[in-house]
Amino acid sequence: MFRRRERMVKTKFRVMDELKERYGSRYLLVLLVSRIAKVISDTKQEKEVAARLGISDEDTKPTVLALYKILREGVKYRLEQEKTAEE
């Protein structure tokens, strides 16, 4: 069971790396990472991700939630930048 989850997490990180290389767009990457962070949080995979990142158990959930919030704010900031650039 743990190996399956570990594989899922590795796949998600690999997909992020491939998207960044393929499209070179940080905006698309932020959208993808935001969705992944939400899925990780919803499916209770925080501990597996934390282990991969070297985060202690007591800091796991706050760190994943903070990551999600930061990424969500990054998307809003990026959209505002694009809107300003168009004007």
PDB file of N, CA and C in Angstrom:
ATOM      1  N   MET A   1       0.823  -1.197   0.000  1.00  0.00           N
ATOM      2  CA  MET A   1       0.000   0.000   0.000  1.00  0.00           C
ATOM      3  C   MET A   1       0.866   1.260   0.000  1.00  0.00           C
ATOM      4  N   PHE A   2       1.902   1.271   0.859  1.00  0.00           N
ATOM      5  CA  PHE A   2       2.763   2.446   0.933  1.00  0.00           C
ATOM      6  C   PHE A   2       3.513   2.651  -0.379  1.00  0.00           C
ATOM      7  N   ARG A   3       3.971   1.558  -0.996  1.00  0.00           N
ATOM      8  CA  ARG A   3       4.697   1.673  -2.267  1.00  0.00           C
ATOM      9  C   ARG A   3       3.810   2.281  -3.355  1.00  0.00           C
ATOM     10  N   ARG A   4       2.547   1.896  -3.356  1.00  0.00           N
ATOM     11  CA  ARG A   4       1.615   2.431  -4.354  1.00  0.00           C
ATOM     12  C   ARG A   4       1.467   3.942  -4.188  1.00  0.00           C
ATOM     13  N   ARG A   5       1.290   4.376  -2.957  1.00  0.00           N
ATOM     14  CA  ARG A   5       1.164   5.819  -2.702  1.00  0.00           C
ATOM     15  C   ARG A   5       2.454   6.540  -3.050  1.00  0.00           C
ATOM     16  N   GLU A   6       3.572   5.931  -2.694  1.00  0.00           N
ATOM     17  CA  GLU A   6       4.866   6.544  -3.000  1.00  0.00           C
ATOM     18  C   GLU A   6       5.016   6.717  -4.511  1.00  0.00           C
ATOM     19  N   ARG A   7       4.592   5.713  -5.264  1.00  0.00           N
ATOM     20  CA  ARG A   7       4.647   5.785  -6.722  1.00  0.00           C
ATOM     21  C   ARG A   7       3.755   6.908  -7.243  1.00  0.00           C
ATOM     22  N   MET A   8       2.581   7.063  -6.655  1.00  0.00           N
ATOM     23  CA  MET A   8       1.661   8.121  -7.075  1.00  0.00           C
ATOM     24  C   MET A   8       2.281   9.494  -6.855  1.00  0.00           C
ATOM     25  N   VAL A   9       2.915   9.669  -5.705  1.00  0.00           N
ATOM     26  CA  VAL A   9       3.536  10.954  -5.402  1.00  0.00           C
ATOM     27  C   VAL A   9       4.688  11.214  -6.355  1.00  0.00           C
ATOM     28  N   LYS A  10       5.516  10.203  -6.610  1.00  0.00           N
ATOM     29  CA  LYS A  10       6.629  10.364  -7.544  1.00  0.00           C
ATOM     30  C   LYS A  10       6.117  10.718  -8.932  1.00  0.00           C
ATOM     31  N   THR A  11       5.037  10.102  -9.345  1.00  0.00           N
ATOM     32  CA  THR A  11       4.458  10.387 -10.652  1.00  0.00           C
ATOM     33  C   THR A  11       4.021  11.840 -10.728  1.00  0.00           C
ATOM     34  N   LYS A  12       3.408  12.341  -9.681  1.00  0.00           N
ATOM     35  CA  LYS A  12       2.959  13.735  -9.668  1.00  0.00           C
ATOM     36  C   LYS A  12       4.140  14.689  -9.796  1.00  0.00           C
ATOM     37  N   PHE A  13       5.226  14.412  -9.069  1.00  0.00           N
ATOM     38  CA  PHE A  13       6.394  15.281  -9.158  1.00  0.00           C
ATOM     39  C   PHE A  13       7.025  15.192 -10.542  1.00  0.00           C
ATOM     40  N   ARG A  14       7.066  14.006 -11.130  1.00  0.00           N
ATOM     41  CA  ARG A  14       7.633  13.839 -12.463  1.00  0.00           C
ATOM     42  C   ARG A  14       6.815  14.614 -13.486  1.00  0.00           C
ATOM     43  N   VAL A  15       5.511  14.562 -13.360  1.00  0.00           N
ATOM     44  CA  VAL A  15       4.642  15.293 -14.282  1.00  0.00           C
ATOM     45  C   VAL A  15       4.913  16.790 -14.180  1.00  0.00           C
ATOM     46  N   MET A  16       5.091  17.296 -12.967  1.00  0.00           N
ATOM     47  CA  MET A  16       5.386  18.720 -12.785  1.00  0.00           C
ATOM     48  C   MET A  16       6.681  19.082 -13.498  1.00  0.00           C
ATOM     49  N   ASP A  17       7.725  18.267 -13.318  1.00  0.00           N
ATOM     50  CA  ASP A  17       9.010  18.538 -13.961  1.00  0.00           C
ATOM     51  C   ASP A  17       8.888  18.521 -15.480  1.00  0.00           C
ATOM     52  N   GLU A  18       8.163  17.544 -16.003  1.00  0.00           N
ATOM     53  CA  GLU A  18       7.995  17.442 -17.450  1.00  0.00           C
ATOM     54  C   GLU A  18       7.226  18.630 -18.014  1.00  0.00           C
ATOM     55  N   LEU A  19       6.192  19.068 -17.307  1.00  0.00           N
ATOM     56  CA  LEU A  19       5.430  20.230 -17.774  1.00  0.00           C
ATOM     57  C   LEU A  19       6.292  21.482 -17.813  1.00  0.00           C
ATOM     58  N   LYS A  20       7.088  21.664 -16.800  1.00  0.00           N
ATOM     59  CA  LYS A  20       7.947  22.845 -16.753  1.00  0.00           C
ATOM     60  C   LYS A  20       8.923  22.835 -17.920  1.00  0.00           C
ATOM     61  N   GLU A  21       9.510  21.667 -18.201  1.00  0.00           N
ATOM     62  CA  GLU A  21      10.449  21.566 -19.313  1.00  0.00           C
ATOM     63  C   GLU A  21       9.747  21.748 -20.656  1.00  0.00           C
ATOM     64  N   ARG A  22       8.596  21.135 -20.811  1.00  0.00           N
ATOM     65  CA  ARG A  22       7.901  21.136 -22.100  1.00  0.00           C
ATOM     66  C   ARG A  22       7.347  22.510 -22.449  1.00  0.00           C
ATOM     67  N   TYR A  23       6.669  23.133 -21.512  1.00  0.00           N
ATOM     68  CA  TYR A  23       5.979  24.382 -21.816  1.00  0.00           C
ATOM     69  C   TYR A  23       6.717  25.620 -21.336  1.00  0.00           C
ATOM     70  N   GLY A  24       7.616  25.447 -20.392  1.00  0.00           N
ATOM     71  CA  GLY A  24       8.369  26.581 -19.889  1.00  0.00           C
ATOM     72  C   GLY A  24       7.508  27.639 -19.228  1.00  0.00           C
ATOM     73  N   SER A  25       6.309  27.278 -18.859  1.00  0.00           N
ATOM     74  CA  SER A  25       5.384  28.241 -18.279  1.00  0.00           C
ATOM     75  C   SER A  25       5.242  28.008 -16.782  1.00  0.00           C
ATOM     76  N   ARG A  26       5.674  28.969 -16.017  1.00  0.00           N
ATOM     77  CA  ARG A  26       5.510  28.857 -14.567  1.00  0.00           C
ATOM     78  C   ARG A  26       4.037  28.960 -14.188  1.00  0.00           C
ATOM     79  N   TYR A  27       3.282  29.702 -14.966  1.00  0.00           N
ATOM     80  CA  TYR A  27       1.855  29.853 -14.687  1.00  0.00           C
ATOM     81  C   TYR A  27       1.145  28.502 -14.755  1.00  0.00           C
ATOM     82  N   LEU A  28       1.381  27.744 -15.829  1.00  0.00           N
ATOM     83  CA  LEU A  28       0.777  26.417 -15.948  1.00  0.00           C
ATOM     84  C   LEU A  28       1.253  25.503 -14.831  1.00  0.00           C
ATOM     85  N   LEU A  29       2.519  25.627 -14.493  1.00  0.00           N
ATOM     86  CA  LEU A  29       3.076  24.800 -13.428  1.00  0.00           C
ATOM     87  C   LEU A  29       2.421  25.126 -12.091  1.00  0.00           C
ATOM     88  N   VAL A  30       2.204  26.403 -11.821  1.00  0.00           N
ATOM     89  CA  VAL A  30       1.561  26.801 -10.568  1.00  0.00           C
ATOM     90  C   VAL A  30       0.135  26.257 -10.506  1.00  0.00           C
ATOM     91  N   LEU A  31      -0.575  26.324 -11.625  1.00  0.00           N
ATOM     92  CA  LEU A  31      -1.927  25.756 -11.648  1.00  0.00           C
ATOM     93  C   LEU A  31      -1.902  24.262 -11.353  1.00  0.00           C
ATOM     94  N   LEU A  32      -0.978  23.556 -11.977  1.00  0.00           N
ATOM     95  CA  LEU A  32      -0.881  22.117 -11.773  1.00  0.00           C
ATOM     96  C   LEU A  32      -0.513  21.793 -10.335  1.00  0.00           C
ATOM     97  N   VAL A  33       0.488  22.480  -9.802  1.00  0.00           N
ATOM     98  CA  VAL A  33       0.927  22.220  -8.431  1.00  0.00           C
ATOM     99  C   VAL A  33      -0.186  22.537  -7.445  1.00  0.00           C
ATOM    100  N   SER A  34      -0.937  23.587  -7.704  1.00  0.00           N
ATOM    101  CA  SER A  34      -2.050  23.931  -6.833  1.00  0.00           C
ATOM    102  C   SER A  34      -3.069  22.802  -6.784  1.00  0.00           C
ATOM    103  N   ARG A  35      -3.378  22.256  -7.938  1.00  0.00           N
ATOM    104  CA  ARG A  35      -4.331  21.139  -7.979  1.00  0.00           C
ATOM    105  C   ARG A  35      -3.761  19.904  -7.297  1.00  0.00           C
ATOM    106  N   ILE A  36      -2.469  19.657  -7.501  1.00  0.00           N
ATOM    107  CA  ILE A  36      -1.835  18.500  -6.860  1.00  0.00           C
ATOM    108  C   ILE A  36      -1.847  18.668  -5.351  1.00  0.00           C
ATOM    109  N   ALA A  37      -1.531  19.874  -4.865  1.00  0.00           N
ATOM    110  CA  ALA A  37      -1.537  20.115  -3.416  1.00  0.00           C
ATOM    111  C   ALA A  37      -2.928  19.876  -2.848  1.00  0.00           C
ATOM    112  N   LYS A  38      -3.948  20.285  -3.579  1.00  0.00           N
ATOM    113  CA  LYS A  38      -5.321  20.056  -3.129  1.00  0.00           C
ATOM    114  C   LYS A  38      -5.636  18.562  -3.085  1.00  0.00           C
ATOM    115  N   VAL A  39      -5.236  17.823  -4.105  1.00  0.00           N
ATOM    116  CA  VAL A  39      -5.473  16.376  -4.141  1.00  0.00           C
ATOM    117  C   VAL A  39      -4.723  15.695  -3.003  1.00  0.00           C
ATOM    118  N   ILE A  40      -3.487  16.097  -2.791  1.00  0.00           N
ATOM    119  CA  ILE A  40      -2.687  15.519  -1.703  1.00  0.00           C
ATOM    120  C   ILE A  40      -3.387  15.746  -0.376  1.00  0.00           C
ATOM    121  N   SER A  41      -3.863  16.952  -0.159  1.00  0.00           N
ATOM    122  CA  SER A  41      -4.549  17.271   1.085  1.00  0.00           C
ATOM    123  C   SER A  41      -5.847  16.477   1.220  1.00  0.00           C
ATOM    124  N   ASP A  42      -6.610  16.401   0.143  1.00  0.00           N
ATOM    125  CA  ASP A  42      -7.897  15.695   0.178  1.00  0.00           C
ATOM    126  C   ASP A  42      -7.748  14.191   0.361  1.00  0.00           C
ATOM    127  N   THR A  43      -6.677  13.615  -0.171  1.00  0.00           N
ATOM    128  CA  THR A  43      -6.507  12.160  -0.105  1.00  0.00           C
ATOM    129  C   THR A  43      -5.610  11.738   1.049  1.00  0.00           C
ATOM    130  N   LYS A  44      -5.312  12.670   1.923  1.00  0.00           N
ATOM    131  CA  LYS A  44      -4.536  12.377   3.132  1.00  0.00           C
ATOM    132  C   LYS A  44      -3.148  11.816   2.822  1.00  0.00           C
ATOM    133  N   GLN A  45      -2.506  12.355   1.785  1.00  0.00           N
ATOM    134  CA  GLN A  45      -1.156  11.926   1.436  1.00  0.00           C
ATOM    135  C   GLN A  45      -0.100  12.876   1.999  1.00  0.00           C
ATOM    136  N   GLU A  46      -0.480  13.696   2.962  1.00  0.00           N
ATOM    137  CA  GLU A  46       0.449  14.682   3.493  1.00  0.00           C
ATOM    138  C   GLU A  46       1.725  14.035   4.021  1.00  0.00           C
ATOM    139  N   LYS A  47       1.583  12.927   4.729  1.00  0.00           N
ATOM    140  CA  LYS A  47       2.749  12.304   5.355  1.00  0.00           C
ATOM    141  C   LYS A  47       3.744  11.779   4.322  1.00  0.00           C
ATOM    142  N   GLU A  48       3.244  11.213   3.221  1.00  0.00           N
ATOM    143  CA  GLU A  48       4.137  10.721   2.178  1.00  0.00           C
ATOM    144  C   GLU A  48       4.895  11.874   1.523  1.00  0.00           C
ATOM    145  N   VAL A  49       4.184  12.956   1.247  1.00  0.00           N
ATOM    146  CA  VAL A  49       4.827  14.116   0.640  1.00  0.00           C
ATOM    147  C   VAL A  49       5.829  14.731   1.613  1.00  0.00           C
ATOM    148  N   ALA A  50       5.443  14.828   2.877  1.00  0.00           N
ATOM    149  CA  ALA A  50       6.333  15.392   3.889  1.00  0.00           C
ATOM    150  C   ALA A  50       7.598  14.553   4.020  1.00  0.00           C
ATOM    151  N   ALA A  51       7.453  13.238   3.992  1.00  0.00           N
ATOM    152  CA  ALA A  51       8.625  12.366   4.083  1.00  0.00           C
ATOM    153  C   ALA A  51       9.550  12.616   2.900  1.00  0.00           C
ATOM    154  N   ARG A  52       8.982  12.775   1.733  1.00  0.00           N
ATOM    155  CA  ARG A  52       9.787  13.037   0.534  1.00  0.00           C
ATOM    156  C   ARG A  52      10.522  14.378   0.645  1.00  0.00           C
ATOM    157  N   LEU A  53       9.867  15.363   1.252  1.00  0.00           N
ATOM    158  CA  LEU A  53      10.466  16.693   1.379  1.00  0.00           C
ATOM    159  C   LEU A  53      11.287  16.862   2.649  1.00  0.00           C
ATOM    160  N   GLY A  54      11.268  15.855   3.534  1.00  0.00           N
ATOM    161  CA  GLY A  54      12.033  15.925   4.776  1.00  0.00           C
ATOM    162  C   GLY A  54      11.401  16.810   5.829  1.00  0.00           C
ATOM    163  N   ILE A  55      10.085  16.863   5.866  1.00  0.00           N
ATOM    164  CA  ILE A  55       9.362  17.683   6.838  1.00  0.00           C
ATOM    165  C   ILE A  55       8.936  16.790   7.996  1.00  0.00           C
ATOM    166  N   SER A  56       9.096  17.277   9.221  1.00  0.00           N
ATOM    167  CA  SER A  56       8.736  16.466  10.383  1.00  0.00           C
ATOM    168  C   SER A  56       7.223  16.256  10.455  1.00  0.00           C
ATOM    169  N   ASP A  57       6.813  15.187  11.164  1.00  0.00           N
ATOM    170  CA  ASP A  57       5.392  14.820  11.231  1.00  0.00           C
ATOM    171  C   ASP A  57       4.502  15.931  11.783  1.00  0.00           C
ATOM    172  N   GLU A  58       4.955  16.616  12.838  1.00  0.00           N
ATOM    173  CA  GLU A  58       4.090  17.642  13.433  1.00  0.00           C
ATOM    174  C   GLU A  58       3.930  18.866  12.534  1.00  0.00           C
ATOM    175  N   ASP A  59       4.844  19.047  11.576  1.00  0.00           N
ATOM    176  CA  ASP A  59       4.760  20.185  10.659  1.00  0.00           C
ATOM    177  C   ASP A  59       4.096  19.833   9.333  1.00  0.00           C
ATOM    178  N   THR A  60       3.694  18.583   9.177  1.00  0.00           N
ATOM    179  CA  THR A  60       3.218  18.106   7.880  1.00  0.00           C
ATOM    180  C   THR A  60       1.992  18.849   7.387  1.00  0.00           C
ATOM    181  N   LYS A  61       0.902  18.765   8.105  1.00  0.00           N
ATOM    182  CA  LYS A  61      -0.357  19.347   7.621  1.00  0.00           C
ATOM    183  C   LYS A  61      -0.256  20.868   7.449  1.00  0.00           C
ATOM    184  N   PRO A  62       0.295  21.601   8.426  1.00  0.00           N
ATOM    185  CA  PRO A  62       0.415  23.048   8.212  1.00  0.00           C
ATOM    186  C   PRO A  62       1.271  23.394   6.999  1.00  0.00           C
ATOM    187  N   THR A  63       2.299  22.594   6.729  1.00  0.00           N
ATOM    188  CA  THR A  63       3.168  22.869   5.588  1.00  0.00           C
ATOM    189  C   THR A  63       2.440  22.647   4.277  1.00  0.00           C
ATOM    190  N   VAL A  64       1.701  21.549   4.160  1.00  0.00           N
ATOM    191  CA  VAL A  64       0.962  21.271   2.927  1.00  0.00           C
ATOM    192  C   VAL A  64      -0.128  22.321   2.719  1.00  0.00           C
ATOM    193  N   LEU A  65      -0.816  22.693   3.774  1.00  0.00           N
ATOM    194  CA  LEU A  65      -1.856  23.721   3.647  1.00  0.00           C
ATOM    195  C   LEU A  65      -1.248  25.071   3.279  1.00  0.00           C
ATOM    196  N   ALA A  66      -0.104  25.390   3.864  1.00  0.00           N
ATOM    197  CA  ALA A  66       0.573  26.644   3.525  1.00  0.00           C
ATOM    198  C   ALA A  66       1.012  26.633   2.066  1.00  0.00           C
ATOM    199  N   LEU A  67       1.521  25.497   1.605  1.00  0.00           N
ATOM    200  CA  LEU A  67       1.915  25.366   0.203  1.00  0.00           C
ATOM    201  C   LEU A  67       0.724  25.626  -0.709  1.00  0.00           C
ATOM    202  N   TYR A  68      -0.396  25.026  -0.382  1.00  0.00           N
ATOM    203  CA  TYR A  68      -1.602  25.202  -1.194  1.00  0.00           C
ATOM    204  C   TYR A  68      -2.023  26.672  -1.230  1.00  0.00           C
ATOM    205  N   LYS A  69      -2.019  27.328  -0.060  1.00  0.00           N
ATOM    206  CA  LYS A  69      -2.424  28.735   0.002  1.00  0.00           C
ATOM    207  C   LYS A  69      -1.462  29.628  -0.778  1.00  0.00           C
ATOM    208  N   ILE A  70      -0.167  29.368  -0.636  1.00  0.00           N
ATOM    209  CA  ILE A  70       0.835  30.165  -1.352  1.00  0.00           C
ATOM    210  C   ILE A  70       0.657  30.014  -2.854  1.00  0.00           C
ATOM    211  N   LEU A  71       0.456  28.790  -3.300  1.00  0.00           N
ATOM    212  CA  LEU A  71       0.283  28.556  -4.733  1.00  0.00           C
ATOM    213  C   LEU A  71      -0.994  29.201  -5.249  1.00  0.00           C
ATOM    214  N   ARG A  72      -2.053  29.135  -4.466  1.00  0.00           N
ATOM    215  CA  ARG A  72      -3.314  29.756  -4.876  1.00  0.00           C
ATOM    216  C   ARG A  72      -3.138  31.269  -5.000  1.00  0.00           C
ATOM    217  N   GLU A  73      -2.438  31.867  -4.050  1.00  0.00           N
ATOM    218  CA  GLU A  73      -2.173  33.305  -4.119  1.00  0.00           C
ATOM    219  C   GLU A  73      -1.284  33.627  -5.317  1.00  0.00           C
ATOM    220  N   GLY A  74      -0.353  32.734  -5.627  1.00  0.00           N
ATOM    221  CA  GLY A  74       0.519  32.924  -6.788  1.00  0.00           C
ATOM    222  C   GLY A  74      -0.273  32.971  -8.078  1.00  0.00           C
ATOM    223  N   VAL A  75      -1.285  32.145  -8.179  1.00  0.00           N
ATOM    224  CA  VAL A  75      -2.141  32.144  -9.367  1.00  0.00           C
ATOM    225  C   VAL A  75      -2.875  33.469  -9.471  1.00  0.00           C
ATOM    226  N   LYS A  76      -3.433  33.950  -8.365  1.00  0.00           N
ATOM    227  CA  LYS A  76      -4.140  35.237  -8.376  1.00  0.00           C
ATOM    228  C   LYS A  76      -3.193  36.365  -8.783  1.00  0.00           C
ATOM    229  N   TYR A  77      -1.968  36.350  -8.231  1.00  0.00           N
ATOM    230  CA  TYR A  77      -0.986  37.385  -8.546  1.00  0.00           C
ATOM    231  C   TYR A  77      -0.642  37.352 -10.029  1.00  0.00           C
ATOM    232  N   ARG A  78      -0.431  36.159 -10.551  1.00  0.00           N
ATOM    233  CA  ARG A  78      -0.075  36.004 -11.962  1.00  0.00           C
ATOM    234  C   ARG A  78      -1.207  36.501 -12.863  1.00  0.00           C
ATOM    235  N   LEU A  79      -2.442  36.197 -12.528  1.00  0.00           N
ATOM    236  CA  LEU A  79      -3.575  36.666 -13.322  1.00  0.00           C
ATOM    237  C   LEU A  79      -3.660  38.186 -13.302  1.00  0.00           C
ATOM    238  N   GLU A  80      -3.399  38.783 -12.141  1.00  0.00           N
ATOM    239  CA  GLU A  80      -3.407  40.242 -12.038  1.00  0.00           C
ATOM    240  C   GLU A  80      -2.303  40.846 -12.890  1.00  0.00           C
ATOM    241  N   GLN A  81      -1.126  40.215 -12.902  1.00  0.00           N
ATOM    242  CA  GLN A  81      -0.014  40.703 -13.715  1.00  0.00           C
ATOM    243  C   GLN A  81      -0.373  40.674 -15.196  1.00  0.00           C
ATOM    244  N   GLU A  82      -0.969  39.573 -15.642  1.00  0.00           N
ATOM    245  CA  GLU A  82      -1.340  39.447 -17.048  1.00  0.00           C
ATOM    246  C   GLU A  82      -2.399  40.475 -17.433  1.00  0.00           C
ATOM    247  N   LYS A  83      -3.359  40.719 -16.544  1.00  0.00           N
ATOM    248  CA  LYS A  83      -4.409  41.701 -16.819  1.00  0.00           C
ATOM    249  C   LYS A  83      -3.799  43.100 -16.932  1.00  0.00           C
ATOM    250  N   THR A  84      -2.857  43.421 -16.049  1.00  0.00           N
ATOM    251  CA  THR A  84      -2.191  44.721 -16.077  1.00  0.00           C
ATOM    252  C   THR A  84      -1.368  44.874 -17.351  1.00  0.00           C
ATOM    253  N   ALA A  85      -0.697  43.820 -17.766  1.00  0.00           N
ATOM    254  CA  ALA A  85       0.131  43.867 -18.968  1.00  0.00           C
ATOM    255  C   ALA A  85      -0.714  44.094 -20.221  1.00  0.00           C
ATOM    256  N   GLU A  86      -1.917  43.553 -20.246  1.00  0.00           N
ATOM    257  CA  GLU A  86      -2.799  43.728 -21.398  1.00  0.00           C
ATOM    258  C   GLU A  86      -3.291  45.160 -21.517  1.00  0.00           C
ATOM    259  N   GLU A  87      -3.443  45.843 -20.384  1.00  0.00           N
ATOM    260  CA  GLU A  87      -3.952  47.223 -20.391  1.00  0.00           C
ATOM    261  C   GLU A  87      -2.854  48.148 -20.752  1.00  0.00           C
TER     262      GLU A  87
END
